[in-house]
Protein backbone atom coordinates (compact mmCIF):
# COMPACT_ATOMS: atom_id res chain seq x y z
CA MET A 1 12.34 11.20 174.78
CA LEU A 2 13.68 8.89 172.63
CA LEU A 3 13.57 9.03 168.96
CA PRO A 4 12.93 5.54 166.83
CA THR A 5 16.22 5.01 164.91
CA VAL A 6 15.55 5.46 160.56
CA PHE A 7 17.76 3.33 158.77
CA LEU A 8 18.75 5.08 155.64
CA PRO A 9 20.92 2.58 153.06
CA ARG A 10 23.65 3.76 151.77
CA HIS A 11 22.94 3.10 148.36
CA PRO A 12 19.60 4.87 147.65
CA GLN A 13 19.98 4.13 143.72
CA ARG A 14 19.91 0.12 144.50
CA LEU A 15 17.47 0.03 146.73
CA LEU A 16 15.24 2.32 143.32
CA ALA A 17 16.67 0.48 140.31
CA GLY A 18 15.58 -2.83 143.31
CA LEU A 19 11.84 -1.58 143.67
CA LEU A 20 11.43 -0.86 139.98
CA LEU A 21 12.91 -4.30 139.17
CA LEU A 22 10.03 -5.61 141.67
CA SER A 23 7.87 -3.74 140.38
CA GLY A 24 8.47 -4.58 137.45
CA LEU A 25 7.97 -8.13 137.50
CA LEU A 26 4.97 -7.99 139.98
CA CYS A 27 3.02 -5.84 136.79
CA ALA A 28 4.27 -9.04 133.76
CA SER A 29 3.06 -11.59 136.16
CA LEU A 30 -0.61 -10.09 136.52
CA ALA A 31 -0.73 -9.05 132.71
CA PRO A 32 -3.39 -10.97 131.01
CA ALA A 33 -2.47 -13.45 128.11
CA ALA A 34 -2.57 -13.20 124.41
CA THR A 35 -5.50 -14.77 123.11
CA LEU A 36 -5.09 -17.47 120.61
CA LEU A 37 -8.31 -18.00 118.94
CA VAL A 38 -9.91 -21.14 116.59
CA LEU A 39 -12.45 -20.75 114.61
CA GLY A 40 -13.40 -24.14 113.47
CA ASP A 41 -16.25 -26.61 111.91
CA SER A 42 -16.65 -30.71 113.95
CA ILE A 43 -12.62 -31.11 113.81
CA SER A 44 -11.74 -28.67 116.19
CA ALA A 45 -14.99 -28.45 118.26
CA GLY A 46 -13.69 -32.35 118.72
CA TYR A 47 -16.56 -34.28 117.53
CA GLY A 48 -16.53 -37.62 119.49
CA VAL A 49 -13.86 -36.49 121.47
CA PRO A 50 -13.24 -36.52 125.00
CA PRO A 51 -13.06 -32.99 125.85
CA ALA A 52 -10.11 -33.47 127.55
CA LYS A 53 -8.29 -34.56 124.26
CA ILE A 54 -9.75 -32.49 121.98
CA TRP A 55 -6.33 -30.92 120.00
CA VAL A 56 -7.17 -27.96 120.75
CA LYS A 57 -7.19 -28.09 123.99
CA LEU A 58 -4.30 -30.44 123.71
CA LEU A 59 -2.79 -27.37 121.98
CA GLU A 60 -3.43 -24.75 125.03
CA GLN A 61 -0.86 -27.42 126.91
CA ARG A 62 1.79 -27.38 123.79
CA LEU A 63 1.90 -23.74 124.24
CA ALA A 64 2.25 -23.60 127.94
CA ALA A 65 5.14 -26.23 127.96
CA LYS A 66 6.62 -24.58 125.90
CA GLY A 67 7.02 -21.18 127.63
CA TYR A 68 4.33 -19.87 125.48
CA SER A 69 1.37 -16.95 127.50
CA TYR A 70 -1.56 -17.63 125.99
CA GLN A 71 -5.01 -18.15 126.57
CA VAL A 72 -6.49 -20.39 123.74
CA VAL A 73 -10.48 -19.54 122.12
CA ASN A 74 -12.16 -22.40 120.95
CA ALA A 75 -15.08 -21.05 118.85
CA ALA A 76 -15.64 -24.53 116.77
CA VAL A 77 -18.96 -25.20 116.53
CA SER A 78 -20.00 -28.65 114.92
CA GLY A 79 -21.42 -28.75 110.89
CA ASP A 80 -20.26 -24.70 110.48
CA THR A 81 -19.02 -23.91 107.02
CA THR A 82 -17.86 -20.53 106.46
CA ALA A 83 -20.68 -18.76 105.89
CA GLY A 84 -21.24 -19.28 109.78
CA GLY A 85 -16.70 -18.47 109.95
CA VAL A 86 -18.10 -14.97 108.43
CA SER A 87 -20.94 -14.35 110.40
CA ARG A 88 -19.84 -15.35 113.87
CA LEU A 89 -16.34 -14.49 113.14
CA PRO A 90 -16.96 -9.80 114.07
CA ALA A 91 -17.94 -10.84 117.35
CA MET A 92 -15.46 -13.25 118.45
CA LEU A 93 -13.06 -10.60 117.17
CA ARG A 94 -14.38 -7.45 119.81
CA GLN A 95 -15.20 -9.90 121.98
CA HIS A 96 -11.50 -11.77 122.43
CA ARG A 97 -9.21 -9.37 120.40
CA PRO A 98 -7.03 -12.17 119.89
CA GLU A 99 -3.43 -11.91 118.31
CA VAL A 100 -3.83 -14.83 116.80
CA VAL A 101 -5.92 -16.75 114.73
CA VAL A 102 -6.15 -20.42 113.39
CA ILE A 103 -9.04 -20.78 110.90
CA GLU A 104 -10.20 -24.35 110.03
CA LEU A 105 -13.09 -24.11 108.32
CA GLY A 106 -13.91 -25.14 104.61
CA GLY A 107 -14.69 -28.95 105.17
CA ASN A 108 -18.67 -28.85 105.27
CA ASP A 109 -18.54 -26.71 102.06
CA GLY A 110 -16.53 -29.14 100.12
CA LEU A 111 -18.81 -32.37 101.13
CA ARG A 112 -21.63 -30.03 100.26
CA GLY A 113 -20.41 -29.54 96.97
CA LEU A 114 -21.60 -25.80 97.68
CA ARG A 115 -19.66 -23.53 94.70
CA LEU A 116 -15.82 -23.30 95.98
CA LYS A 117 -16.12 -19.03 94.58
CA ASN A 118 -17.98 -19.18 97.59
CA THR A 119 -16.01 -21.04 100.26
CA ARG A 120 -12.97 -19.05 98.39
CA GLU A 121 -14.36 -15.35 98.82
CA ASN A 122 -15.74 -16.66 102.29
CA LEU A 123 -12.24 -17.61 103.65
CA GLN A 124 -10.21 -14.76 102.22
CA ALA A 125 -13.41 -12.80 103.90
CA MET A 126 -12.27 -13.88 107.44
CA VAL A 127 -8.45 -13.50 106.94
CA ARG A 128 -9.10 -10.16 105.68
CA MET A 129 -11.44 -9.25 109.16
CA ALA A 130 -8.74 -10.79 111.65
CA GLN A 131 -5.70 -9.41 110.39
CA LYS A 132 -7.30 -5.79 109.95
CA SER A 133 -8.14 -6.77 113.53
CA GLY A 134 -4.30 -6.78 113.71
CA ALA A 135 -4.23 -10.75 114.42
CA LYS A 136 -1.50 -12.46 113.00
CA VAL A 137 -3.43 -15.52 110.59
CA LEU A 138 -2.86 -20.02 109.86
CA LEU A 139 -5.35 -20.91 107.58
CA LEU A 140 -5.33 -24.61 107.94
CA GLY A 141 -6.10 -26.74 104.47
CA ILE A 142 -8.64 -29.56 104.91
CA ASN A 143 -8.42 -32.33 102.41
CA LEU A 144 -11.77 -34.04 100.58
CA PRO A 145 -12.29 -38.01 100.24
CA PRO A 146 -12.01 -39.00 96.57
CA SER A 147 -15.52 -39.14 96.18
CA GLN A 148 -16.40 -36.00 95.59
CA GLY A 149 -15.22 -36.42 91.91
CA VAL A 150 -11.71 -35.69 90.99
CA LYS A 151 -11.74 -31.48 89.67
CA TYR A 152 -13.72 -30.23 92.48
CA VAL A 153 -11.27 -31.83 94.95
CA ASN A 154 -8.25 -30.61 92.93
CA ASP A 155 -9.64 -27.29 92.73
CA PHE A 156 -11.01 -27.38 96.54
CA HIS A 157 -7.31 -28.16 97.64
CA ALA A 158 -5.85 -25.24 95.55
CA MET A 159 -8.42 -22.47 97.09
CA TYR A 160 -6.06 -22.54 100.20
CA PRO A 161 -3.18 -21.70 99.08
CA SER A 162 -4.28 -19.30 96.55
CA VAL A 163 -6.09 -17.57 99.86
CA SER A 164 -2.63 -17.34 101.44
CA LYS A 165 -1.29 -15.82 98.46
CA ALA A 166 -3.85 -13.46 97.75
CA THR A 167 -3.82 -13.09 101.65
CA GLY A 168 -0.32 -12.85 103.01
CA ALA A 169 -1.55 -15.42 105.69
CA ALA A 170 0.12 -17.95 107.64
CA PHE A 171 -0.86 -21.93 105.37
CA LEU A 172 -0.65 -25.01 106.40
CA PRO A 173 -1.40 -27.71 103.69
CA GLY A 174 -3.20 -31.30 104.40
CA PHE A 175 -4.00 -30.37 108.42
CA LEU A 176 -6.13 -34.10 108.28
CA GLU A 177 -3.57 -35.45 105.42
CA LYS A 178 -1.50 -37.88 108.49
CA VAL A 179 -4.54 -38.87 110.65
CA GLY A 180 -7.11 -39.18 107.41
CA THR A 181 -4.50 -42.61 105.80
CA ASP A 182 -4.84 -44.21 109.00
CA PRO A 183 -7.83 -46.48 110.21
CA ASP A 184 -6.08 -45.82 113.70
CA MET A 185 -7.14 -42.59 114.41
CA MET A 186 -10.05 -41.89 112.84
CA GLN A 187 -13.74 -43.07 113.82
CA ALA A 188 -15.63 -44.89 112.57
CA ASP A 189 -17.79 -41.70 109.88
CA GLY A 190 -14.14 -42.02 108.48
CA ILE A 191 -13.84 -37.84 108.75
CA HIS A 192 -13.16 -37.18 112.39
CA PRO A 193 -10.27 -37.94 114.02
CA ASN A 194 -10.11 -40.17 117.04
CA SER A 195 -8.75 -39.50 120.18
CA LEU A 196 -5.34 -41.17 118.84
CA GLY A 197 -4.70 -38.67 116.17
CA GLN A 198 -5.52 -35.77 118.42
CA PRO A 199 -1.79 -35.10 119.46
CA VAL A 200 -1.65 -35.71 115.54
CA LEU A 201 -3.10 -32.77 114.64
CA VAL A 202 -1.75 -31.13 117.23
CA ASP A 203 1.99 -31.75 115.95
CA THR A 204 1.03 -31.45 112.45
CA MET A 205 0.76 -27.43 112.84
CA TRP A 206 2.70 -26.68 115.38
CA PRO A 207 5.13 -25.69 113.49
CA ALA A 208 3.20 -23.51 111.40
CA LEU A 209 2.19 -22.02 114.42
CA GLU A 210 5.26 -21.12 116.69
CA PRO A 211 6.42 -18.37 114.03
CA LEU A 212 3.20 -16.51 114.45
CA LEU A 213 3.29 -16.98 119.00
CA LYS A 214 5.25 -14.60 120.61
CA LYS A 215 6.86 -15.88 124.74
């Protein structure tokens, strides 16, 4: 009876190395993407903007184009305040376990004239919560219209770098500054960027965000 011929490789070590490399590549391709969580209000929820053109969606496309493997979770809610963010964030952290958290909140606090002491405490609480979970944090500074009063506006704008300094979170001043002064990039309400302004928001925040990312 003839037995089947078995061919053994001359260099089994090379075969083993090749199999290990292939296994590593396969595992890497199957590994889940890291999560980037955006906690914000109507600016990030995309009020008045088609879903495909919201800056958070454009950010997801930018990340992929730059070779970063991140799943972007948009946890923005129109009308939300920093108090709302504090109450919502713990569940978001447990559910998504993000590696990066972008906080875009405070604008509604300012427009409603809420006490800045409370707003500052809420922002700081959110940053520390995210950091305690192991996430890196980017805090986006929001500009208020001068109609809110000179002192209040100045104190509001100074609040964000103060929170950043106290917590060590990355900070971007004037997230809306480039679009807010251009009527062509703003909706009729003068508060929310339109579709033309969305890519500018991504360009504005990208230099502050990229150092927090890993490939």
